[in-house]
Amino acid sequence: MHANGSILAYSKCYTRILLCPVEFLRQSMNEIFNHVSNHPILAGVAILAAVIVAIYEWREARHAAGSVSPQDAVMLINRGALVVDIRAPDAFEEGHIGGARRLGSDQIVAGASAIERFKDKTIVTVCDSGVTAAAAARQLSRLGFKNPVNLRGGISAWRSEQLPLVKGS
C-alpha cells in the first residue's frame, strides 16, 4: 500500500508540473523561501559554499587558460612557438628545451626588449615548476605579447614526460 501511495504522489506531482508549470514554479519558490526562512544558517552556509566553489573554478579556469601541458608545448614548438626559459643560467646549461632562449625574469619585468620582435608569436615560458613562468607569461601579456603561455609544471613536468633536454648554452 505504501508503494502505491508513493506512485500516486509522484503521478500527482508530474501532473501538476505538466498542467500548470507557472503554478508549480510559484509553489516551489514558496517552499524554497520557507526553507530559507526556517533554516537561515544552513542556507547561508550553502550560499557561501556555492560562492567559494564559483570563485575557485573561475580562478582555476583563468589560471589554466594561460598554461599548456608538455605535450601541448611540443605541438606549439613544432608550429614555431618561441620557448623562453627564465631559470638561472646554471640551471639552463644543465638542460633546457631545444631552441629555448634564456631570459631572466628581471629582463621580462624590464620590458622583454630582447624578444620584442616576437610579439605576434606564441611564446612558451618555462621555469622549474611552472609558477615563476606563469607570472612571466602574465607580464608578457601585459606588455602586449599576443599569445604567451606557461609550461604547466615547468621543466619538472617536461622531465617526467621523458622529453629531451639540450645541455649547454
Protein backbone atom coordinates (compact mmCIF):
# COMPACT_ATOMS: atom_id res chain seq x y z
CA MET A 1 0.00 0.00 0.00
CA HIS A 2 2.89 2.36 0.75
CA ALA A 3 4.42 1.80 -2.69
CA ASN A 4 1.10 2.55 -4.38
CA GLY A 5 0.77 5.73 -2.33
CA SER A 6 4.25 6.80 -3.45
CA ILE A 7 3.42 6.17 -7.09
CA LEU A 8 0.20 8.13 -6.69
CA ALA A 9 2.09 11.05 -5.10
CA TYR A 10 4.63 11.05 -7.95
CA SER A 11 1.94 10.97 -10.61
CA LYS A 12 0.14 13.91 -8.93
CA CYS A 13 3.39 15.83 -8.86
CA TYR A 14 4.11 15.20 -12.55
CA THR A 15 0.51 16.03 -13.47
CA ARG A 16 0.84 19.29 -11.57
CA ILE A 17 4.07 20.15 -13.45
CA LEU A 18 2.56 19.36 -16.84
CA LEU A 19 -0.79 21.06 -16.33
CA CYS A 20 0.42 24.31 -14.78
CA PRO A 21 4.16 24.89 -14.81
CA VAL A 22 3.80 28.50 -13.61
CA GLU A 23 1.82 27.42 -10.55
CA PHE A 24 4.33 24.65 -9.89
CA LEU A 25 7.24 27.12 -10.03
CA ARG A 26 5.43 29.52 -7.71
CA GLN A 27 4.80 26.78 -5.16
CA SER A 28 8.39 25.54 -5.48
CA MET A 29 9.75 29.03 -4.90
CA ASN A 30 7.48 29.41 -1.87
CA GLU A 31 8.87 26.14 -0.49
CA ILE A 32 12.43 27.36 -1.04
CA PHE A 33 11.72 30.69 0.67
CA ASN A 34 10.04 28.88 3.58
CA HIS A 35 13.04 26.59 3.93
CA VAL A 36 15.49 29.51 3.86
CA SER A 37 13.47 31.45 6.44
CA ASN A 38 13.25 28.37 8.70
CA HIS A 39 16.96 27.50 8.31
CA PRO A 40 18.88 30.74 7.70
CA ILE A 41 22.26 29.43 8.90
CA LEU A 42 22.07 26.36 6.69
CA ALA A 43 21.01 28.48 3.72
CA GLY A 44 23.83 30.95 4.39
CA VAL A 45 26.41 28.16 4.55
CA ALA A 46 25.09 26.72 1.28
CA ILE A 47 25.29 30.12 -0.44
CA LEU A 48 28.79 30.72 0.95
CA ALA A 49 29.91 27.29 -0.27
CA ALA A 50 28.49 27.98 -3.73
CA VAL A 51 30.31 31.33 -3.89
CA ILE A 52 33.61 29.74 -2.78
CA VAL A 53 33.29 26.99 -5.40
CA ALA A 54 32.43 29.52 -8.10
CA ILE A 55 35.45 31.69 -7.23
CA TYR A 56 37.75 28.65 -7.13
CA GLU A 57 36.52 27.40 -10.50
CA TRP A 58 36.84 30.87 -12.04
CA ARG A 59 40.42 31.23 -10.79
CA GLU A 60 41.35 27.75 -11.99
CA ALA A 61 39.88 28.40 -15.42
CA ARG A 62 41.69 31.72 -15.65
CA HIS A 63 44.94 30.16 -14.50
CA ALA A 64 44.69 27.14 -16.77
CA ALA A 65 43.85 29.23 -19.82
CA GLY A 66 47.42 30.50 -19.99
CA SER A 67 49.16 27.19 -19.35
CA VAL A 68 49.88 24.18 -21.52
CA SER A 69 50.93 20.62 -20.83
CA PRO A 70 54.30 19.35 -22.04
CA GLN A 71 52.59 17.56 -24.96
CA ASP A 72 50.78 20.74 -25.98
CA ALA A 73 54.05 22.67 -25.66
CA VAL A 74 55.70 20.23 -28.08
CA MET A 75 52.92 20.87 -30.61
CA LEU A 76 53.29 24.63 -30.19
CA ILE A 77 57.08 24.41 -30.57
CA ASN A 78 56.65 22.34 -33.74
CA ARG A 79 54.39 25.11 -35.07
CA GLY A 80 57.08 27.72 -34.42
CA ALA A 81 56.49 28.90 -30.86
CA LEU A 82 59.36 30.60 -29.09
CA VAL A 83 60.47 29.00 -25.81
CA VAL A 84 61.65 31.46 -23.17
CA ASP A 85 63.44 29.84 -20.22
CA ILE A 86 63.56 32.13 -17.19
CA ARG A 87 65.64 29.88 -14.95
CA ALA A 88 69.10 30.78 -13.67
CA PRO A 89 71.98 30.44 -16.19
CA ASP A 90 73.44 27.36 -14.47
CA ALA A 91 70.05 25.57 -14.47
CA PHE A 92 69.62 26.50 -18.14
CA GLU A 93 73.03 25.00 -19.01
CA GLU A 94 72.24 21.77 -17.10
CA GLY A 95 69.36 21.15 -19.51
CA HIS A 96 66.81 23.16 -21.43
CA ILE A 97 64.25 22.65 -24.16
CA GLY A 98 65.84 22.67 -27.60
CA GLY A 99 65.77 26.11 -29.21
CA ALA A 100 64.91 27.85 -25.95
CA ARG A 101 66.18 31.33 -25.22
CA ARG A 102 67.27 32.12 -21.69
CA LEU A 103 65.80 35.35 -20.46
CA GLY A 104 65.92 36.38 -16.82
CA SER A 105 62.68 37.24 -15.10
CA ASP A 106 64.18 40.66 -14.38
CA GLN A 107 64.52 41.21 -18.14
CA ILE A 108 60.84 40.34 -18.61
CA VAL A 109 59.83 42.80 -15.89
CA ALA A 110 62.02 45.43 -17.59
CA GLY A 111 60.06 45.08 -20.82
CA ALA A 112 61.38 41.99 -22.63
CA SER A 113 63.12 44.07 -25.29
CA ALA A 114 65.24 41.05 -26.27
CA ILE A 115 62.16 39.28 -27.64
CA GLU A 116 60.17 42.34 -28.73
CA ARG A 117 60.11 41.21 -32.37
CA PHE A 118 58.20 38.03 -31.34
CA LYS A 119 55.11 39.89 -30.04
CA ASP A 120 52.81 38.19 -32.53
CA LYS A 121 54.25 34.71 -31.98
CA THR A 122 53.25 32.13 -29.40
CA ILE A 123 55.70 32.23 -26.50
CA VAL A 124 56.07 29.33 -24.07
CA THR A 125 57.57 30.45 -20.77
CA VAL A 126 59.47 27.84 -18.76
CA CYS A 127 60.83 27.65 -15.21
CA ASP A 128 61.50 24.79 -12.79
CA SER A 129 57.94 24.24 -11.57
CA GLY A 130 55.72 26.48 -13.69
CA VAL A 131 54.96 29.06 -11.01
CA THR A 132 57.50 31.74 -11.92
CA ALA A 133 56.94 31.17 -15.63
CA ALA A 134 53.19 31.74 -15.14
CA ALA A 135 53.96 35.17 -13.70
CA ALA A 136 56.30 35.81 -16.64
CA ALA A 137 53.57 34.84 -19.12
CA ARG A 138 51.15 37.25 -17.42
CA GLN A 139 53.77 40.00 -17.58
CA LEU A 140 54.38 39.34 -21.28
CA SER A 141 50.64 39.56 -21.86
CA ARG A 142 50.58 42.94 -20.09
CA LEU A 143 53.45 44.06 -22.32
CA GLY A 144 51.36 43.38 -25.41
CA PHE A 145 52.57 39.94 -26.46
CA LYS A 146 49.70 38.21 -28.25
CA ASN A 147 49.93 34.62 -27.02
CA PRO A 148 52.20 33.93 -24.06
CA VAL A 149 51.59 30.60 -22.33
CA ASN A 150 53.20 28.83 -19.41
CA LEU A 151 54.57 25.28 -19.43
CA ARG A 152 52.42 23.73 -16.69
CA GLY A 153 54.73 22.03 -14.21
CA GLY A 154 57.83 23.57 -15.80
CA ILE A 155 60.96 21.60 -16.60
CA SER A 156 59.98 19.12 -13.89
CA ALA A 157 56.87 18.14 -15.88
CA TRP A 158 58.93 18.11 -19.09
CA ARG A 159 61.39 15.66 -17.49
CA SER A 160 58.61 13.50 -16.04
CA GLU A 161 57.25 13.10 -19.57
CA GLN A 162 60.78 11.99 -20.58
CA LEU A 163 61.04 14.67 -23.24
CA PRO A 164 64.53 15.63 -24.46
CA LEU A 165 66.64 18.40 -22.99
CA VAL A 166 69.69 20.08 -24.52
CA LYS A 167 72.76 20.70 -22.35
CA GLY A 168 75.00 23.74 -22.63
CA SER A 169 74.18 27.27 -23.70
